Amino acid sequence: MLTSCGIYSFTGASIPAEAKTVSVQHFPNNANIVNPLLSDIITNTLRDYFMNQTTLDDVPDNGDLAIEGEIVDYRTNPTAITSDQVAALNRLTITVNVRFFNRYDESKNFEQKFTQYEDYPSNQDLNAIQDDLISTICDKLCEDIFNKAVVNW
């Protein structure tokens, strides 16, 4: 449905009626620890999120809504220590720095860091469960970025 303020979707997104395209630039991995697949995963997940939640067309550059950024942190830390000083849980944390540009409403432009994490049992090998953890964390990050960009949460 169209209104003078923009297009509203079932997701709660408020997008200017003039906006027809979105561009998501590749997110380089500038973290101290580099997972070689993370850049593609976060970039493609964010692109897919916008394609599935809006009617905007994906363009490689200069979208009416444009997103760029970089991965700035990727780390794992112990979070729950048992009485004998052993980690019961570890936490994988990913932080991205995002710049969002809205060609039709520059007051919505922002630059912000987004952080999400998942805990996992310390007796599990990170390499064995890393793909699932990254997928879950990237989904959360993309939801946060989407909400900040077009839902105004």
C-alpha atoms as a PDB file:
ATOM      1  CA  MET A   1       0.000   0.000   0.000  1.00  0.00           C
ATOM      2  CA  LEU A   2       1.284   3.469  -0.841  1.00  0.00           C
ATOM      3  CA  THR A   3       1.168   6.551   1.327  1.00  0.00           C
ATOM      4  CA  SER A   4       2.683   9.961   1.014  1.00  0.00           C
ATOM      5  CA  CYS A   5       5.371   8.960   3.550  1.00  0.00           C
ATOM      6  CA  GLY A   6       6.457   5.836   1.734  1.00  0.00           C
ATOM      7  CA  ILE A   7       5.759   2.187   1.171  1.00  0.00           C
ATOM      8  CA  TYR A   8       4.856   0.096   4.177  1.00  0.00           C
ATOM      9  CA  SER A   9       5.218  -3.646   4.190  1.00  0.00           C
ATOM     10  CA  PHE A  10       4.104  -6.443   6.477  1.00  0.00           C
ATOM     11  CA  THR A  11       7.613  -6.373   7.989  1.00  0.00           C
ATOM     12  CA  GLY A  12       7.022  -2.830   9.238  1.00  0.00           C
ATOM     13  CA  ALA A  13       9.499  -1.370   6.779  1.00  0.00           C
ATOM     14  CA  SER A  14       9.011   2.252   5.832  1.00  0.00           C
ATOM     15  CA  ILE A  15      10.664   2.901   2.502  1.00  0.00           C
ATOM     16  CA  PRO A  16      10.269   6.105   0.477  1.00  0.00           C
ATOM     17  CA  ALA A  17       7.875   5.572  -2.444  1.00  0.00           C
ATOM     18  CA  GLU A  18      10.545   6.847  -4.846  1.00  0.00           C
ATOM     19  CA  ALA A  19      13.042   4.182  -3.745  1.00  0.00           C
ATOM     20  CA  LYS A  20      13.186   1.293  -6.205  1.00  0.00           C
ATOM     21  CA  THR A  21      16.667  -0.162  -5.670  1.00  0.00           C
ATOM     22  CA  VAL A  22      19.055  -1.260  -2.954  1.00  0.00           C
ATOM     23  CA  SER A  23      22.784  -1.902  -3.215  1.00  0.00           C
ATOM     24  CA  VAL A  24      24.785  -3.894  -0.683  1.00  0.00           C
ATOM     25  CA  GLN A  25      28.532  -3.605  -1.106  1.00  0.00           C
ATOM     26  CA  HIS A  26      30.923  -6.414  -0.210  1.00  0.00           C
ATOM     27  CA  PHE A  27      31.847  -6.336   3.505  1.00  0.00           C
ATOM     28  CA  PRO A  28      35.631  -6.793   3.780  1.00  0.00           C
ATOM     29  CA  ASN A  29      36.906  -8.621   6.831  1.00  0.00           C
ATOM     30  CA  ASN A  30      39.102  -6.256   8.846  1.00  0.00           C
ATOM     31  CA  ALA A  31      38.908  -8.256  12.083  1.00  0.00           C
ATOM     32  CA  ASN A  32      42.062  -9.507  13.799  1.00  0.00           C
ATOM     33  CA  ILE A  33      40.893 -13.085  13.236  1.00  0.00           C
ATOM     34  CA  VAL A  34      39.750 -13.615   9.656  1.00  0.00           C
ATOM     35  CA  ASN A  35      37.274 -16.327   8.779  1.00  0.00           C
ATOM     36  CA  PRO A  36      37.747 -16.582   4.989  1.00  0.00           C
ATOM     37  CA  LEU A  37      34.035 -17.156   4.278  1.00  0.00           C
ATOM     38  CA  LEU A  38      32.576 -14.523   6.604  1.00  0.00           C
ATOM     39  CA  SER A  39      32.719 -11.581   4.167  1.00  0.00           C
ATOM     40  CA  ASP A  40      30.651 -13.432   1.561  1.00  0.00           C
ATOM     41  CA  ILE A  41      28.249 -14.822   4.153  1.00  0.00           C
ATOM     42  CA  ILE A  42      27.415 -11.467   5.760  1.00  0.00           C
ATOM     43  CA  THR A  43      27.197  -9.671   2.405  1.00  0.00           C
ATOM     44  CA  ASN A  44      24.938 -12.284   0.806  1.00  0.00           C
ATOM     45  CA  THR A  45      22.776 -12.705   3.909  1.00  0.00           C
ATOM     46  CA  LEU A  46      22.184  -8.947   4.079  1.00  0.00           C
ATOM     47  CA  ARG A  47      21.438  -8.768   0.359  1.00  0.00           C
ATOM     48  CA  ASP A  48      19.006 -11.708   0.656  1.00  0.00           C
ATOM     49  CA  TYR A  49      17.357 -10.127   3.687  1.00  0.00           C
ATOM     50  CA  PHE A  50      16.523  -6.966   1.736  1.00  0.00           C
ATOM     51  CA  MET A  51      15.364  -8.975  -1.295  1.00  0.00           C
ATOM     52  CA  ASN A  52      13.048 -11.155   0.823  1.00  0.00           C
ATOM     53  CA  GLN A  53      11.639  -8.372   3.011  1.00  0.00           C
ATOM     54  CA  THR A  54      11.125  -5.602   0.428  1.00  0.00           C
ATOM     55  CA  THR A  55      10.157  -5.146  -3.196  1.00  0.00           C
ATOM     56  CA  LEU A  56      13.384  -3.263  -3.947  1.00  0.00           C
ATOM     57  CA  ASP A  57      15.537  -4.408  -6.845  1.00  0.00           C
ATOM     58  CA  ASP A  58      19.121  -5.396  -6.081  1.00  0.00           C
ATOM     59  CA  VAL A  59      21.686  -3.329  -8.003  1.00  0.00           C
ATOM     60  CA  PRO A  60      25.480  -3.567  -7.761  1.00  0.00           C
ATOM     61  CA  ASP A  61      26.114   0.146  -7.068  1.00  0.00           C
ATOM     62  CA  ASN A  62      24.373   3.432  -6.272  1.00  0.00           C
ATOM     63  CA  GLY A  63      21.073   2.029  -5.042  1.00  0.00           C
ATOM     64  CA  ASP A  64      18.376   4.354  -3.790  1.00  0.00           C
ATOM     65  CA  LEU A  65      19.147   2.696  -0.471  1.00  0.00           C
ATOM     66  CA  ALA A  66      22.845   1.819  -0.182  1.00  0.00           C
ATOM     67  CA  ILE A  67      24.660  -0.241   2.426  1.00  0.00           C
ATOM     68  CA  GLU A  68      28.371  -0.648   2.897  1.00  0.00           C
ATOM     69  CA  GLY A  69      30.606  -1.603   5.767  1.00  0.00           C
ATOM     70  CA  GLU A  70      33.199  -3.968   7.104  1.00  0.00           C
ATOM     71  CA  ILE A  71      33.628  -6.743   9.621  1.00  0.00           C
ATOM     72  CA  VAL A  72      35.587  -5.243  12.502  1.00  0.00           C
ATOM     73  CA  ASP A  73      35.591  -8.019  15.113  1.00  0.00           C
ATOM     74  CA  TYR A  74      35.423 -11.819  15.134  1.00  0.00           C
ATOM     75  CA  ARG A  75      36.332 -13.499  18.392  1.00  0.00           C
ATOM     76  CA  THR A  76      35.586 -16.286  20.787  1.00  0.00           C
ATOM     77  CA  ASN A  77      35.784 -15.883  24.574  1.00  0.00           C
ATOM     78  CA  PRO A  78      34.869 -17.999  27.579  1.00  0.00           C
ATOM     79  CA  THR A  79      31.624 -16.806  29.179  1.00  0.00           C
ATOM     80  CA  ALA A  80      30.625 -19.264  31.888  1.00  0.00           C
ATOM     81  CA  ILE A  81      33.338 -20.445  34.257  1.00  0.00           C
ATOM     82  CA  THR A  82      32.726 -23.497  36.450  1.00  0.00           C
ATOM     83  CA  SER A  83      33.773 -23.772  40.101  1.00  0.00           C
ATOM     84  CA  ASP A  84      37.048 -25.429  39.052  1.00  0.00           C
ATOM     85  CA  GLN A  85      37.901 -22.458  36.777  1.00  0.00           C
ATOM     86  CA  VAL A  86      37.057 -24.244  33.524  1.00  0.00           C
ATOM     87  CA  ALA A  87      34.964 -22.602  30.824  1.00  0.00           C
ATOM     88  CA  ALA A  88      31.567 -24.256  30.509  1.00  0.00           C
ATOM     89  CA  LEU A  89      30.490 -21.991  27.641  1.00  0.00           C
ATOM     90  CA  ASN A  90      32.303 -20.036  24.988  1.00  0.00           C
ATOM     91  CA  ARG A  91      30.903 -17.129  23.006  1.00  0.00           C
ATOM     92  CA  LEU A  92      31.499 -16.394  19.328  1.00  0.00           C
ATOM     93  CA  THR A  93      31.027 -12.661  18.708  1.00  0.00           C
ATOM     94  CA  ILE A  94      30.907 -10.824  15.380  1.00  0.00           C
ATOM     95  CA  THR A  95      30.844  -7.028  14.997  1.00  0.00           C
ATOM     96  CA  VAL A  96      30.239  -5.142  11.761  1.00  0.00           C
ATOM     97  CA  ASN A  97      30.477  -1.430  11.076  1.00  0.00           C
ATOM     98  CA  VAL A  98      27.689  -0.334   8.707  1.00  0.00           C
ATOM     99  CA  ARG A  99      27.077   2.815   6.703  1.00  0.00           C
ATOM    100  CA  PHE A 100      23.556   3.286   5.332  1.00  0.00           C
ATOM    101  CA  PHE A 101      22.537   5.886   2.779  1.00  0.00           C
ATOM    102  CA  ASN A 102      18.966   6.791   1.832  1.00  0.00           C
ATOM    103  CA  ARG A 103      18.986   8.871  -1.342  1.00  0.00           C
ATOM    104  CA  TYR A 104      15.481  10.252  -0.690  1.00  0.00           C
ATOM    105  CA  ASP A 105      15.692  10.907   3.051  1.00  0.00           C
ATOM    106  CA  GLU A 106      19.211  11.771   4.177  1.00  0.00           C
ATOM    107  CA  SER A 107      18.014  12.129   7.778  1.00  0.00           C
ATOM    108  CA  LYS A 108      17.879   8.298   7.822  1.00  0.00           C
ATOM    109  CA  ASN A 109      21.578   7.938   6.903  1.00  0.00           C
ATOM    110  CA  PHE A 110      23.740   6.421   9.621  1.00  0.00           C
ATOM    111  CA  GLU A 111      27.022   4.795  10.508  1.00  0.00           C
ATOM    112  CA  GLN A 112      26.832   2.320  13.370  1.00  0.00           C
ATOM    113  CA  LYS A 113      28.455  -0.814  14.756  1.00  0.00           C
ATOM    114  CA  PHE A 114      26.284  -3.896  15.210  1.00  0.00           C
ATOM    115  CA  THR A 115      27.319  -6.823  17.406  1.00  0.00           C
ATOM    116  CA  GLN A 116      25.754 -10.235  17.858  1.00  0.00           C
ATOM    117  CA  TYR A 117      26.938 -13.463  19.447  1.00  0.00           C
ATOM    118  CA  GLU A 118      26.100 -17.099  20.072  1.00  0.00           C
ATOM    119  CA  ASP A 119      27.204 -19.209  23.011  1.00  0.00           C
ATOM    120  CA  TYR A 120      28.348 -22.796  22.580  1.00  0.00           C
ATOM    121  CA  PRO A 121      29.500 -25.543  24.964  1.00  0.00           C
ATOM    122  CA  SER A 122      33.245 -25.404  25.553  1.00  0.00           C
ATOM    123  CA  ASN A 123      33.535 -29.161  25.006  1.00  0.00           C
ATOM    124  CA  GLN A 124      32.543 -28.654  21.343  1.00  0.00           C
ATOM    125  CA  ASP A 125      35.165 -27.913  18.718  1.00  0.00           C
ATOM    126  CA  LEU A 126      34.517 -24.470  17.241  1.00  0.00           C
ATOM    127  CA  ASN A 127      35.566 -25.680  13.786  1.00  0.00           C
ATOM    128  CA  ALA A 128      32.836 -28.336  13.894  1.00  0.00           C
ATOM    129  CA  ILE A 129      30.003 -25.929  14.761  1.00  0.00           C
ATOM    130  CA  GLN A 130      31.331 -22.637  13.380  1.00  0.00           C
ATOM    131  CA  ASP A 131      29.201 -22.633  10.205  1.00  0.00           C
ATOM    132  CA  ASP A 132      25.940 -22.928  12.155  1.00  0.00           C
ATOM    133  CA  LEU A 133      27.026 -20.293  14.675  1.00  0.00           C
ATOM    134  CA  ILE A 134      28.027 -17.869  11.910  1.00  0.00           C
ATOM    135  CA  SER A 135      24.745 -18.413  10.084  1.00  0.00           C
ATOM    136  CA  THR A 136      22.723 -17.663  13.222  1.00  0.00           C
ATOM    137  CA  ILE A 137      24.816 -14.616  14.119  1.00  0.00           C
ATOM    138  CA  CYS A 138      24.644 -13.227  10.551  1.00  0.00           C
ATOM    139  CA  ASP A 139      20.857 -13.629  10.539  1.00  0.00           C
ATOM    140  CA  LYS A 140      20.647 -11.611  13.775  1.00  0.00           C
ATOM    141  CA  LEU A 141      23.029  -8.951  12.472  1.00  0.00           C
ATOM    142  CA  CYS A 142      21.076  -8.571   9.237  1.00  0.00           C
ATOM    143  CA  GLU A 143      17.801  -8.249  11.113  1.00  0.00           C
ATOM    144  CA  ASP A 144      19.334  -5.511  13.292  1.00  0.00           C
ATOM    145  CA  ILE A 145      20.737  -3.665  10.261  1.00  0.00           C
ATOM    146  CA  PHE A 146      17.441  -3.965   8.355  1.00  0.00           C
ATOM    147  CA  ASN A 147      15.464  -2.705  11.349  1.00  0.00           C
ATOM    148  CA  LYS A 148      17.760   0.292  11.825  1.00  0.00           C
ATOM    149  CA  ALA A 149      17.765   1.105   8.095  1.00  0.00           C
ATOM    150  CA  VAL A 150      14.106   0.831   7.168  1.00  0.00           C
ATOM    151  CA  VAL A 151      12.018   0.002  10.244  1.00  0.00           C
ATOM    152  CA  ASN A 152      13.558   2.779  12.346  1.00  0.00           C
ATOM    153  CA  TRP A 153      13.940   0.693  15.499  1.00  0.00           C
END
